[in-house]
C-alpha atoms as a PDB file:
ATOM      1  CA  UNK A   1      15.503  -7.684  -2.819  1.00  0.00           C
ATOM      2  CA  UNK A   2      14.430  -4.683  -4.926  1.00  0.00           C
ATOM      3  CA  UNK A   3      11.087  -6.351  -5.576  1.00  0.00           C
ATOM      4  CA  UNK A   4      10.639  -6.884  -1.815  1.00  0.00           C
ATOM      5  CA  UNK A   5      11.380  -3.203  -1.101  1.00  0.00           C
ATOM      6  CA  UNK A   6       8.920  -2.189  -3.790  1.00  0.00           C
ATOM      7  CA  UNK A   7       6.193  -4.454  -2.421  1.00  0.00           C
ATOM      8  CA  UNK A   8       6.668  -3.045   1.120  1.00  0.00           C
ATOM      9  CA  UNK A   9       6.617   0.559  -0.199  1.00  0.00           C
ATOM     10  CA  UNK A  10       3.414  -0.087  -2.091  1.00  0.00           C
ATOM     11  CA  UNK A  11       1.829  -1.682   0.951  1.00  0.00           C
ATOM     12  CA  UNK A  12       2.749   1.275   3.154  1.00  0.00           C
ATOM     13  CA  UNK A  13       1.456   3.704   0.556  1.00  0.00           C
ATOM     14  CA  UNK A  14      -1.798   1.777   0.335  1.00  0.00           C
ATOM     15  CA  UNK A  15      -2.241   1.851   4.140  1.00  0.00           C
ATOM     16  CA  UNK A  16      -1.623   5.592   4.262  1.00  0.00           C
ATOM     17  CA  UNK A  17      -4.078   6.251   1.416  1.00  0.00           C
ATOM     18  CA  UNK A  18      -6.724   4.098   3.191  1.00  0.00           C
ATOM     19  CA  UNK A  19      -6.359   6.086   6.387  1.00  0.00           C
ATOM     20  CA  UNK A  20      -6.340   9.415   4.588  1.00  0.00           C
ATOM     21  CA  UNK A  21      -9.572   8.364   2.873  1.00  0.00           C
ATOM     22  CA  UNK A  22     -11.242   7.838   6.273  1.00  0.00           C
ATOM     23  CA  UNK A  23     -12.733  11.323   5.821  1.00  0.00           C
ATOM     24  CA  UNK A  24     -13.222  12.690   2.354  1.00  0.00           C
ATOM     25  CA  UNK A  25     -12.942  16.295   1.234  1.00  0.00           C
ATOM     26  CA  UNK A  26     -16.679  16.404   0.752  1.00  0.00           C
ATOM     27  CA  UNK A  27     -17.338  15.109   4.253  1.00  0.00           C
ATOM     28  CA  UNK A  28     -14.813  17.504   5.767  1.00  0.00           C
ATOM     29  CA  UNK A  29     -16.214  20.500   3.925  1.00  0.00           C
ATOM     30  CA  UNK A  30     -19.792  19.530   4.806  1.00  0.00           C
ATOM     31  CA  UNK A  31     -18.868  19.021   8.428  1.00  0.00           C
ATOM     32  CA  UNK A  32     -17.534  22.626   8.651  1.00  0.00           C
ATOM     33  CA  UNK A  33     -20.207  24.392   6.783  1.00  0.00           C
ATOM     34  CA  UNK A  34     -23.182  22.483   8.299  1.00  0.00           C
ATOM     35  CA  UNK A  35     -21.821  23.520  11.707  1.00  0.00           C
ATOM     36  CA  UNK A  36     -22.379  27.115  10.737  1.00  0.00           C
ATOM     37  CA  UNK A  37     -18.807  28.027   9.679  1.00  0.00           C
ATOM     38  CA  UNK A  38     -17.384  29.313   6.371  1.00  0.00           C
ATOM     39  CA  UNK A  39     -16.222  26.932   3.627  1.00  0.00           C
ATOM     40  CA  UNK A  40     -12.810  25.515   4.590  1.00  0.00           C
ATOM     41  CA  UNK A  41      -9.810  25.622   2.307  1.00  0.00           C
ATOM     42  CA  UNK A  42      -8.393  22.679   0.406  1.00  0.00           C
ATOM     43  CA  UNK A  43      -5.002  23.038   2.156  1.00  0.00           C
ATOM     44  CA  UNK A  44      -6.731  22.784   5.512  1.00  0.00           C
ATOM     45  CA  UNK A  45      -8.288  19.498   4.475  1.00  0.00           C
ATOM     46  CA  UNK A  46      -4.995  18.244   3.001  1.00  0.00           C
ATOM     47  CA  UNK A  47      -3.115  18.906   6.228  1.00  0.00           C
ATOM     48  CA  UNK A  48      -5.928  17.367   8.262  1.00  0.00           C
ATOM     49  CA  UNK A  49      -5.977  14.265   6.060  1.00  0.00           C
ATOM     50  CA  UNK A  50      -2.224  14.001   6.140  1.00  0.00           C
ATOM     51  CA  UNK A  51      -2.162  13.956   9.916  1.00  0.00           C
ATOM     52  CA  UNK A  52      -5.163  11.604   9.986  1.00  0.00           C
ATOM     53  CA  UNK A  53      -3.135   9.116   7.960  1.00  0.00           C
ATOM     54  CA  UNK A  54      -0.682   8.640  10.792  1.00  0.00           C
ATOM     55  CA  UNK A  55      -3.244   6.221  12.346  1.00  0.00           C
ATOM     56  CA  UNK A  56      -3.652   7.759  15.804  1.00  0.00           C
ATOM     57  CA  UNK A  57      -7.389   8.139  15.025  1.00  0.00           C
ATOM     58  CA  UNK A  58      -8.493   5.011  13.138  1.00  0.00           C
ATOM     59  CA  UNK A  59     -12.269   5.234  13.190  1.00  0.00           C
ATOM     60  CA  UNK A  60     -14.713   7.774  11.840  1.00  0.00           C
ATOM     61  CA  UNK A  61     -16.462   8.388  15.145  1.00  0.00           C
ATOM     62  CA  UNK A  62     -13.293   9.534  16.912  1.00  0.00           C
ATOM     63  CA  UNK A  63     -12.392  11.546  13.795  1.00  0.00           C
ATOM     64  CA  UNK A  64     -15.763  13.247  14.172  1.00  0.00           C
ATOM     65  CA  UNK A  65     -15.172  13.849  17.862  1.00  0.00           C
ATOM     66  CA  UNK A  66     -11.749  15.381  17.126  1.00  0.00           C
ATOM     67  CA  UNK A  67     -12.925  17.644  14.305  1.00  0.00           C
ATOM     68  CA  UNK A  68     -15.890  18.877  16.313  1.00  0.00           C
ATOM     69  CA  UNK A  69     -13.713  19.939  19.176  1.00  0.00           C
ATOM     70  CA  UNK A  70     -11.261  21.595  16.764  1.00  0.00           C
ATOM     71  CA  UNK A  71     -14.076  23.525  15.091  1.00  0.00           C
ATOM     72  CA  UNK A  72     -15.253  24.934  18.418  1.00  0.00           C
ATOM     73  CA  UNK A  73     -11.685  25.695  19.589  1.00  0.00           C
ATOM     74  CA  UNK A  74     -10.725  27.473  16.385  1.00  0.00           C
ATOM     75  CA  UNK A  75     -13.974  29.263  15.524  1.00  0.00           C
ATOM     76  CA  UNK A  76     -14.490  27.008  12.477  1.00  0.00           C
ATOM     77  CA  UNK A  77     -10.758  26.887  11.505  1.00  0.00           C
ATOM     78  CA  UNK A  78     -10.603  30.666  11.303  1.00  0.00           C
ATOM     79  CA  UNK A  79      -8.399  31.406  14.286  1.00  0.00           C
ATOM     80  CA  UNK A  80      -4.968  29.927  14.976  1.00  0.00           C
ATOM     81  CA  UNK A  81      -3.899  32.612  17.501  1.00  0.00           C
ATOM     82  CA  UNK A  82      -5.320  33.496  20.856  1.00  0.00           C
ATOM     83  CA  UNK A  83      -7.110  36.725  19.905  1.00  0.00           C
ATOM     84  CA  UNK A  84      -6.348  38.752  22.995  1.00  0.00           C
ATOM     85  CA  UNK A  85      -2.622  37.987  22.700  1.00  0.00           C
ATOM     86  CA  UNK A  86      -2.063  38.849  18.971  1.00  0.00           C
ATOM     87  CA  UNK A  87      -0.939  42.428  19.538  1.00  0.00           C
ATOM     88  CA  UNK A  88       0.995  42.038  22.738  1.00  0.00           C
ATOM     89  CA  UNK A  89       2.000  38.378  22.905  1.00  0.00           C
ATOM     90  CA  UNK A  90       0.603  38.248  26.459  1.00  0.00           C
ATOM     91  CA  UNK A  91       4.034  38.426  28.170  1.00  0.00           C
ATOM     92  CA  UNK A  92       4.046  36.989  31.633  1.00  0.00           C
ATOM     93  CA  UNK A  93       0.712  35.271  31.198  1.00  0.00           C
ATOM     94  CA  UNK A  94       2.015  31.790  30.224  1.00  0.00           C
ATOM     95  CA  UNK A  95       4.929  29.715  31.446  1.00  0.00           C
ATOM     96  CA  UNK A  96       8.296  30.665  29.996  1.00  0.00           C
ATOM     97  CA  UNK A  97      10.498  28.345  32.054  1.00  0.00           C
ATOM     98  CA  UNK A  98      11.977  26.547  28.986  1.00  0.00           C
ATOM     99  CA  UNK A  99      11.275  29.301  26.506  1.00  0.00           C
ATOM    100  CA  UNK A 100      13.622  31.252  24.296  1.00  0.00           C
ATOM    101  CA  UNK A 101      14.441  34.976  25.028  1.00  0.00           C
ATOM    102  CA  UNK A 102      11.945  37.351  23.422  1.00  0.00           C
ATOM    103  CA  UNK A 103       9.406  34.628  22.592  1.00  0.00           C
ATOM    104  CA  UNK A 104       5.932  34.270  24.048  1.00  0.00           C
ATOM    105  CA  UNK A 105       4.040  30.993  24.365  1.00  0.00           C
ATOM    106  CA  UNK A 106       0.368  32.050  24.200  1.00  0.00           C
ATOM    107  CA  UNK A 107      -2.301  29.973  22.534  1.00  0.00           C
ATOM    108  CA  UNK A 108      -1.586  29.044  18.898  1.00  0.00           C
ATOM    109  CA  UNK A 109      -2.832  26.358  16.550  1.00  0.00           C
ATOM    110  CA  UNK A 110      -6.190  24.795  16.136  1.00  0.00           C
ATOM    111  CA  UNK A 111      -6.421  23.683  19.716  1.00  0.00           C
ATOM    112  CA  UNK A 112      -4.464  26.548  21.322  1.00  0.00           C
ATOM    113  CA  UNK A 113      -1.094  25.119  22.412  1.00  0.00           C
ATOM    114  CA  UNK A 114       0.063  27.181  25.452  1.00  0.00           C
ATOM    115  CA  UNK A 115       2.986  27.364  27.886  1.00  0.00           C
ATOM    116  CA  UNK A 116       6.621  26.865  26.951  1.00  0.00           C
ATOM    117  CA  UNK A 117       6.754  23.341  28.432  1.00  0.00           C
ATOM    118  CA  UNK A 118       3.939  22.274  26.058  1.00  0.00           C
ATOM    119  CA  UNK A 119       5.675  23.849  23.026  1.00  0.00           C
ATOM    120  CA  UNK A 120       8.817  21.964  24.038  1.00  0.00           C
ATOM    121  CA  UNK A 121       7.102  18.639  24.551  1.00  0.00           C
ATOM    122  CA  UNK A 122       5.179  18.918  21.225  1.00  0.00           C
ATOM    123  CA  UNK A 123       8.316  20.041  19.382  1.00  0.00           C
ATOM    124  CA  UNK A 124      10.374  17.113  20.664  1.00  0.00           C
ATOM    125  CA  UNK A 125       7.637  14.595  20.004  1.00  0.00           C
ATOM    126  CA  UNK A 126       6.788  15.798  16.492  1.00  0.00           C
ATOM    127  CA  UNK A 127      10.074  17.023  15.159  1.00  0.00           C
ATOM    128  CA  UNK A 128      12.758  15.664  17.551  1.00  0.00           C
ATOM    129  CA  UNK A 129      14.190  19.170  18.038  1.00  0.00           C
ATOM    130  CA  UNK A 130      13.240  22.496  19.610  1.00  0.00           C
ATOM    131  CA  UNK A 131      11.924  24.365  16.579  1.00  0.00           C
ATOM    132  CA  UNK A 132       8.673  25.232  18.276  1.00  0.00           C
ATOM    133  CA  UNK A 133      10.559  26.825  21.145  1.00  0.00           C
ATOM    134  CA  UNK A 134      12.702  28.968  18.870  1.00  0.00           C
ATOM    135  CA  UNK A 135       9.843  29.676  16.514  1.00  0.00           C
ATOM    136  CA  UNK A 136       6.469  29.358  18.334  1.00  0.00           C
ATOM    137  CA  UNK A 137       4.719  31.303  15.535  1.00  0.00           C
ATOM    138  CA  UNK A 138       5.201  28.215  13.366  1.00  0.00           C
ATOM    139  CA  UNK A 139       2.224  26.660  15.244  1.00  0.00           C
ATOM    140  CA  UNK A 140      -0.035  29.385  13.772  1.00  0.00           C
ATOM    141  CA  UNK A 141       1.707  30.141  10.487  1.00  0.00           C
ATOM    142  CA  UNK A 142       2.332  26.595   9.165  1.00  0.00           C
ATOM    143  CA  UNK A 143      -0.871  24.750   8.303  1.00  0.00           C
ATOM    144  CA  UNK A 144       0.579  21.272   8.812  1.00  0.00           C
ATOM    145  CA  UNK A 145       2.049  22.303  12.192  1.00  0.00           C
ATOM    146  CA  UNK A 146      -1.310  23.715  13.352  1.00  0.00           C
ATOM    147  CA  UNK A 147      -2.866  20.314  12.748  1.00  0.00           C
ATOM    148  CA  UNK A 148       0.179  18.379  13.974  1.00  0.00           C
ATOM    149  CA  UNK A 149       0.022  20.085  17.357  1.00  0.00           C
ATOM    150  CA  UNK A 150      -3.751  19.524  17.581  1.00  0.00           C
ATOM    151  CA  UNK A 151      -3.344  15.811  16.929  1.00  0.00           C
ATOM    152  CA  UNK A 152      -0.452  15.761  19.383  1.00  0.00           C
ATOM    153  CA  UNK A 153      -2.677  17.318  22.074  1.00  0.00           C
ATOM    154  CA  UNK A 154      -5.336  14.789  21.274  1.00  0.00           C
ATOM    155  CA  UNK A 155      -2.837  11.943  21.643  1.00  0.00           C
ATOM    156  CA  UNK A 156      -1.495  13.131  24.938  1.00  0.00           C
ATOM    157  CA  UNK A 157      -4.659  14.426  26.633  1.00  0.00           C
ATOM    158  CA  UNK A 158      -7.712  12.954  25.000  1.00  0.00           C
ATOM    159  CA  UNK A 159      -7.260   9.751  22.972  1.00  0.00           C
ATOM    160  CA  UNK A 160      -6.766   7.470  25.950  1.00  0.00           C
ATOM    161  CA  UNK A 161      -9.013   9.349  28.341  1.00  0.00           C
ATOM    162  CA  UNK A 162     -11.568   7.063  29.965  1.00  0.00           C
ATOM    163  CA  UNK A 163     -14.741   7.045  27.905  1.00  0.00           C
ATOM    164  CA  UNK A 164     -13.306   8.500  24.723  1.00  0.00           C
ATOM    165  CA  UNK A 165     -12.782   5.166  23.007  1.00  0.00           C
ATOM    166  CA  UNK A 166     -16.388   4.300  23.993  1.00  0.00           C
ATOM    167  CA  UNK A 167     -17.391   7.393  21.974  1.00  0.00           C
ATOM    168  CA  UNK A 168     -18.433   9.462  24.945  1.00  0.00           C
ATOM    169  CA  UNK A 169     -18.163  12.978  23.539  1.00  0.00           C
ATOM    170  CA  UNK A 170     -18.491  14.617  26.868  1.00  0.00           C
ATOM    171  CA  UNK A 171     -15.392  12.862  28.148  1.00  0.00           C
ATOM    172  CA  UNK A 172     -13.436  14.461  25.289  1.00  0.00           C
ATOM    173  CA  UNK A 173     -14.837  17.837  26.186  1.00  0.00           C
ATOM    174  CA  UNK A 174     -13.836  17.374  29.819  1.00  0.00           C
ATOM    175  CA  UNK A 175     -10.290  16.438  28.791  1.00  0.00           C
ATOM    176  CA  UNK A 176      -9.984  19.671  26.772  1.00  0.00           C
ATOM    177  CA  UNK A 177     -11.835  22.078  29.003  1.00  0.00           C
ATOM    178  CA  UNK A 178     -13.395  20.653  32.077  1.00  0.00           C
ATOM    179  CA  UNK A 179     -14.451  24.030  33.346  1.00  0.00           C
ATOM    180  CA  UNK A 180     -17.199  24.056  30.698  1.00  0.00           C
ATOM    181  CA  UNK A 181     -18.728  20.944  32.280  1.00  0.00           C
ATOM    182  CA  UNK A 182     -20.150  22.962  35.169  1.00  0.00           C
ATOM    183  CA  UNK A 183     -23.288  23.896  33.269  1.00  0.00           C
ATOM    184  CA  UNK A 184     -21.684  26.285  30.798  1.00  0.00           C
ATOM    185  CA  UNK A 185     -23.555  26.482  27.427  1.00  0.00           C
ATOM    186  CA  UNK A 186     -20.244  26.142  25.505  1.00  0.00           C
ATOM    187  CA  UNK A 187     -20.053  22.442  26.300  1.00  0.00           C
ATOM    188  CA  UNK A 188     -23.547  21.912  24.851  1.00  0.00           C
ATOM    189  CA  UNK A 189     -22.585  23.870  21.791  1.00  0.00           C
ATOM    190  CA  UNK A 190     -19.671  21.570  21.267  1.00  0.00           C
ATOM    191  CA  UNK A 191     -22.036  18.641  21.318  1.00  0.00           C
ATOM    192  CA  UNK A 192     -24.378  20.301  18.784  1.00  0.00           C
ATOM    193  CA  UNK A 193     -21.398  20.721  16.434  1.00  0.00           C
ATOM    194  CA  UNK A 194     -20.599  17.037  16.950  1.00  0.00           C
ATOM    195  CA  UNK A 195     -24.095  16.099  15.797  1.00  0.00           C
ATOM    196  CA  UNK A 196     -23.629  18.077  12.591  1.00  0.00           C
ATOM    197  CA  UNK A 197     -20.252  16.515  11.977  1.00  0.00           C
ATOM    198  CA  UNK A 198     -21.530  12.973  12.496  1.00  0.00           C
ATOM    199  CA  UNK A 199     -24.252  13.574   9.877  1.00  0.00           C
ATOM    200  CA  UNK A 200     -21.745  15.032   7.484  1.00  0.00           C
ATOM    201  CA  UNK A 201     -19.485  12.007   8.039  1.00  0.00           C
ATOM    202  CA  UNK A 202     -22.417   9.645   7.344  1.00  0.00           C
ATOM    203  CA  UNK A 203     -22.015   7.919  10.673  1.00  0.00           C
ATOM    204  CA  UNK A 204     -24.937   5.622  11.600  1.00  0.00           C
ATOM    205  CA  UNK A 205     -24.488   5.822  15.379  1.00  0.00           C
ATOM    206  CA  UNK A 206     -26.340   7.870  17.959  1.00  0.00           C
ATOM    207  CA  UNK A 207     -24.107  10.670  19.328  1.00  0.00           C
ATOM    208  CA  UNK A 208     -23.305  10.111  22.945  1.00  0.00           C
ATOM    209  CA  UNK A 209     -22.915  13.240  25.108  1.00  0.00           C
ATOM    210  CA  UNK A 210     -22.015  11.424  28.291  1.00  0.00           C
ATOM    211  CA  UNK A 211     -19.039  12.504  30.399  1.00  0.00           C
ATOM    212  CA  UNK A 212     -19.271  16.270  30.770  1.00  0.00           C
ATOM    213  CA  UNK A 213     -22.508  17.764  32.136  1.00  0.00           C
ATOM    214  CA  UNK A 214     -24.429  14.499  32.485  1.00  0.00           C
END
């Protein structure tokens, strides 16, 4: 029985390592810097790779789509708080219906988690408790949590969106911020970043911008 448990443990460890290796540190770093952003930190990659190992994103093209969107949303992994809300917390701006007294639920994390109901849903799904309601700053202050909530958002809002599994980058953009698809230059900038990330990831597939402004 002990040998069986050991074999299962080794198999699970091997699967997690394989998924984590889907994107190497070198590819991650090159993706960030070639997109015009500063060199990322090792702990940022480690948290990204750890969450990637969960298997939600299992192919390199979707990983490139995800990281490209994150780079744009976070200013190249530099910002994990909504800048205009840092000083005040933006009280009254975002939903507080299930929030804790004295807490504000403005945008935090690499993909800007907002509204108390989203903090609650993410907290229950990721941690099976309400820690993100009682401590919303965790989304910005804890590196793993910043990535965890970004992957959670992708799972809930993007991963199964029509066109995304066909590698239509524009459909991912529409799922995240459809307002940009009305001719705004930001959507095209997202796609330009995606092209850089695809090259950094050594993906031999033409980037597909369909689904947003075309």
